[in-house]
Amino acid sequence: MAKKLPQGTKLLRAFFKDGPQQSQVATELGMCRQEFTHFLSGRRVPNLKKALLLEKRTGIPVSAWMS
């Protein structure tokens, strides 16, 4: 059975469809590209501090990562 992805992962993927480069945003937020890729794949969810940074940059609410 496939793992259910957090809503934040789905929204983050949609943000990058026609938007900025993933590596650019990761750098802006002070994250390494690999960590950012884990958030995009759904392997990991950001901690509160990183979720707040993502919310500020992408508009994805922190609550979207809590599912």
N, C-alpha and C. Protein backbone atom coordinates (compact mmCIF):
# COMPACT_ATOMS: atom_id res chain seq x y z
N MET A 1 0.84 -1.18 0.00
CA MET A 1 0.00 0.00 0.00
C MET A 1 0.89 1.24 0.00
N ALA A 2 0.57 2.19 -0.84
CA ALA A 2 1.36 3.41 -0.97
C ALA A 2 1.16 4.31 0.25
N LYS A 3 2.22 4.97 0.64
CA LYS A 3 2.18 5.90 1.76
C LYS A 3 1.43 7.16 1.33
N LYS A 4 0.54 7.64 2.19
CA LYS A 4 -0.21 8.86 1.89
C LYS A 4 0.71 10.06 2.09
N LEU A 5 0.80 10.89 1.09
CA LEU A 5 1.65 12.07 1.15
C LEU A 5 0.97 13.19 1.92
N PRO A 6 1.74 13.95 2.70
CA PRO A 6 1.16 15.12 3.36
C PRO A 6 0.68 16.13 2.32
N GLN A 7 -0.33 16.88 2.66
CA GLN A 7 -0.85 17.92 1.75
C GLN A 7 0.25 18.89 1.38
N GLY A 8 1.16 19.17 2.32
CA GLY A 8 2.26 20.10 2.05
C GLY A 8 3.13 19.63 0.90
N THR A 9 3.37 18.33 0.81
CA THR A 9 4.18 17.77 -0.28
C THR A 9 3.49 18.01 -1.61
N LYS A 10 2.20 17.76 -1.66
CA LYS A 10 1.45 17.96 -2.90
C LYS A 10 1.46 19.44 -3.32
N LEU A 11 1.28 20.32 -2.35
CA LEU A 11 1.27 21.75 -2.65
C LEU A 11 2.65 22.24 -3.07
N LEU A 12 3.70 21.70 -2.45
CA LEU A 12 5.05 22.11 -2.81
C LEU A 12 5.38 21.67 -4.23
N ARG A 13 4.97 20.47 -4.60
CA ARG A 13 5.18 20.01 -5.98
C ARG A 13 4.45 20.92 -6.96
N ALA A 14 3.24 21.31 -6.63
CA ALA A 14 2.47 22.19 -7.52
C ALA A 14 3.13 23.57 -7.62
N PHE A 15 3.72 24.03 -6.54
CA PHE A 15 4.40 25.33 -6.53
C PHE A 15 5.52 25.36 -7.55
N PHE A 16 6.21 24.24 -7.74
CA PHE A 16 7.35 24.20 -8.64
C PHE A 16 7.00 23.82 -10.07
N LYS A 17 5.74 23.52 -10.36
CA LYS A 17 5.34 23.16 -11.72
C LYS A 17 5.83 24.18 -12.74
N ASP A 18 5.47 25.42 -12.55
CA ASP A 18 5.83 26.49 -13.48
C ASP A 18 6.56 27.62 -12.77
N GLY A 19 7.07 27.32 -11.59
CA GLY A 19 7.68 28.36 -10.78
C GLY A 19 9.19 28.32 -10.77
N PRO A 20 9.77 28.75 -9.67
CA PRO A 20 11.22 28.87 -9.56
C PRO A 20 11.93 27.51 -9.48
N GLN A 21 13.24 27.56 -9.59
CA GLN A 21 14.07 26.37 -9.47
C GLN A 21 14.08 25.89 -8.02
N GLN A 22 14.02 24.58 -7.82
CA GLN A 22 14.03 24.01 -6.47
C GLN A 22 15.31 24.36 -5.74
N SER A 23 16.44 24.26 -6.42
CA SER A 23 17.72 24.54 -5.77
C SER A 23 17.82 26.00 -5.34
N GLN A 24 17.23 26.89 -6.12
CA GLN A 24 17.25 28.31 -5.79
C GLN A 24 16.48 28.57 -4.49
N VAL A 25 15.30 27.98 -4.38
CA VAL A 25 14.47 28.18 -3.19
C VAL A 25 15.14 27.52 -1.98
N ALA A 26 15.70 26.34 -2.16
CA ALA A 26 16.39 25.68 -1.05
C ALA A 26 17.52 26.56 -0.53
N THR A 27 18.29 27.14 -1.41
CA THR A 27 19.39 28.03 -1.02
C THR A 27 18.86 29.26 -0.29
N GLU A 28 17.80 29.85 -0.82
CA GLU A 28 17.19 31.02 -0.19
C GLU A 28 16.77 30.73 1.25
N LEU A 29 16.31 29.50 1.49
CA LEU A 29 15.81 29.12 2.81
C LEU A 29 16.90 28.56 3.71
N GLY A 30 18.12 28.45 3.20
CA GLY A 30 19.23 27.93 3.99
C GLY A 30 19.20 26.43 4.17
N MET A 31 18.59 25.73 3.21
CA MET A 31 18.51 24.27 3.25
C MET A 31 19.41 23.70 2.17
N CYS A 32 19.89 22.49 2.39
CA CYS A 32 20.63 21.83 1.33
C CYS A 32 19.62 21.24 0.34
N ARG A 33 20.05 21.08 -0.88
CA ARG A 33 19.17 20.57 -1.94
C ARG A 33 18.61 19.20 -1.60
N GLN A 34 19.44 18.35 -0.98
CA GLN A 34 19.02 16.99 -0.66
C GLN A 34 17.87 17.01 0.36
N GLU A 35 17.99 17.83 1.38
CA GLU A 35 16.92 17.93 2.38
C GLU A 35 15.63 18.40 1.72
N PHE A 36 15.74 19.39 0.86
CA PHE A 36 14.58 19.93 0.17
C PHE A 36 13.92 18.86 -0.71
N THR A 37 14.75 18.05 -1.36
CA THR A 37 14.24 16.97 -2.19
C THR A 37 13.45 15.96 -1.37
N HIS A 38 13.88 15.72 -0.14
CA HIS A 38 13.14 14.80 0.74
C HIS A 38 11.74 15.34 1.03
N PHE A 39 11.61 16.65 1.20
CA PHE A 39 10.29 17.25 1.42
C PHE A 39 9.42 17.10 0.18
N LEU A 40 10.01 17.28 -0.98
CA LEU A 40 9.27 17.15 -2.24
C LEU A 40 8.82 15.72 -2.52
N SER A 41 9.61 14.77 -2.09
CA SER A 41 9.28 13.37 -2.36
C SER A 41 8.33 12.79 -1.32
N GLY A 42 8.20 13.47 -0.19
CA GLY A 42 7.35 12.96 0.88
C GLY A 42 8.06 12.02 1.83
N ARG A 43 9.38 11.85 1.65
CA ARG A 43 10.14 10.99 2.56
C ARG A 43 10.27 11.59 3.94
N ARG A 44 10.27 12.92 4.00
CA ARG A 44 10.38 13.63 5.27
C ARG A 44 9.44 14.82 5.26
N VAL A 45 9.07 15.27 6.44
CA VAL A 45 8.31 16.52 6.56
C VAL A 45 9.18 17.51 7.31
N PRO A 46 9.05 18.78 7.01
CA PRO A 46 9.89 19.78 7.68
C PRO A 46 9.50 19.95 9.14
N ASN A 47 10.49 20.29 9.96
CA ASN A 47 10.19 20.64 11.34
C ASN A 47 9.49 22.00 11.33
N LEU A 48 9.07 22.45 12.49
CA LEU A 48 8.29 23.68 12.56
C LEU A 48 9.03 24.88 12.00
N LYS A 49 10.30 25.01 12.33
CA LYS A 49 11.09 26.14 11.86
C LYS A 49 11.15 26.17 10.33
N LYS A 50 11.41 25.01 9.73
CA LYS A 50 11.51 24.94 8.27
C LYS A 50 10.14 25.08 7.61
N ALA A 51 9.10 24.55 8.27
CA ALA A 51 7.75 24.71 7.73
C ALA A 51 7.36 26.19 7.71
N LEU A 52 7.77 26.93 8.74
CA LEU A 52 7.49 28.37 8.77
C LEU A 52 8.24 29.10 7.66
N LEU A 53 9.48 28.71 7.41
CA LEU A 53 10.24 29.31 6.30
C LEU A 53 9.58 29.00 4.96
N LEU A 54 9.15 27.75 4.80
CA LEU A 54 8.47 27.37 3.56
C LEU A 54 7.17 28.15 3.39
N GLU A 55 6.44 28.33 4.47
CA GLU A 55 5.18 29.08 4.40
C GLU A 55 5.45 30.52 3.94
N LYS A 56 6.48 31.12 4.50
CA LYS A 56 6.81 32.50 4.15
C LYS A 56 7.19 32.62 2.67
N ARG A 57 7.92 31.65 2.15
CA ARG A 57 8.42 31.71 0.76
C ARG A 57 7.40 31.23 -0.26
N THR A 58 6.64 30.18 0.08
CA THR A 58 5.75 29.56 -0.89
C THR A 58 4.27 29.81 -0.65
N GLY A 59 3.93 30.23 0.56
CA GLY A 59 2.51 30.42 0.90
C GLY A 59 1.83 29.15 1.35
N ILE A 60 2.55 28.05 1.44
CA ILE A 60 1.98 26.78 1.88
C ILE A 60 1.88 26.82 3.40
N PRO A 61 0.66 26.73 3.97
CA PRO A 61 0.52 26.84 5.42
C PRO A 61 1.21 25.70 6.17
N VAL A 62 1.70 26.03 7.35
CA VAL A 62 2.35 25.04 8.19
C VAL A 62 1.43 23.85 8.43
N SER A 63 0.15 24.11 8.59
CA SER A 63 -0.82 23.05 8.87
C SER A 63 -0.88 22.00 7.76
N ALA A 64 -0.46 22.34 6.55
CA ALA A 64 -0.50 21.39 5.43
C ALA A 64 0.48 20.25 5.64
N TRP A 65 1.48 20.45 6.48
CA TRP A 65 2.48 19.40 6.74
C TRP A 65 2.08 18.48 7.88
N MET A 66 0.99 18.80 8.55
CA MET A 66 0.60 18.05 9.75
C MET A 66 -0.36 16.90 9.48
N SER A 67 -0.55 16.54 8.23
CA SER A 67 -1.53 15.47 7.93
C SER A 67 -0.88 14.12 7.89
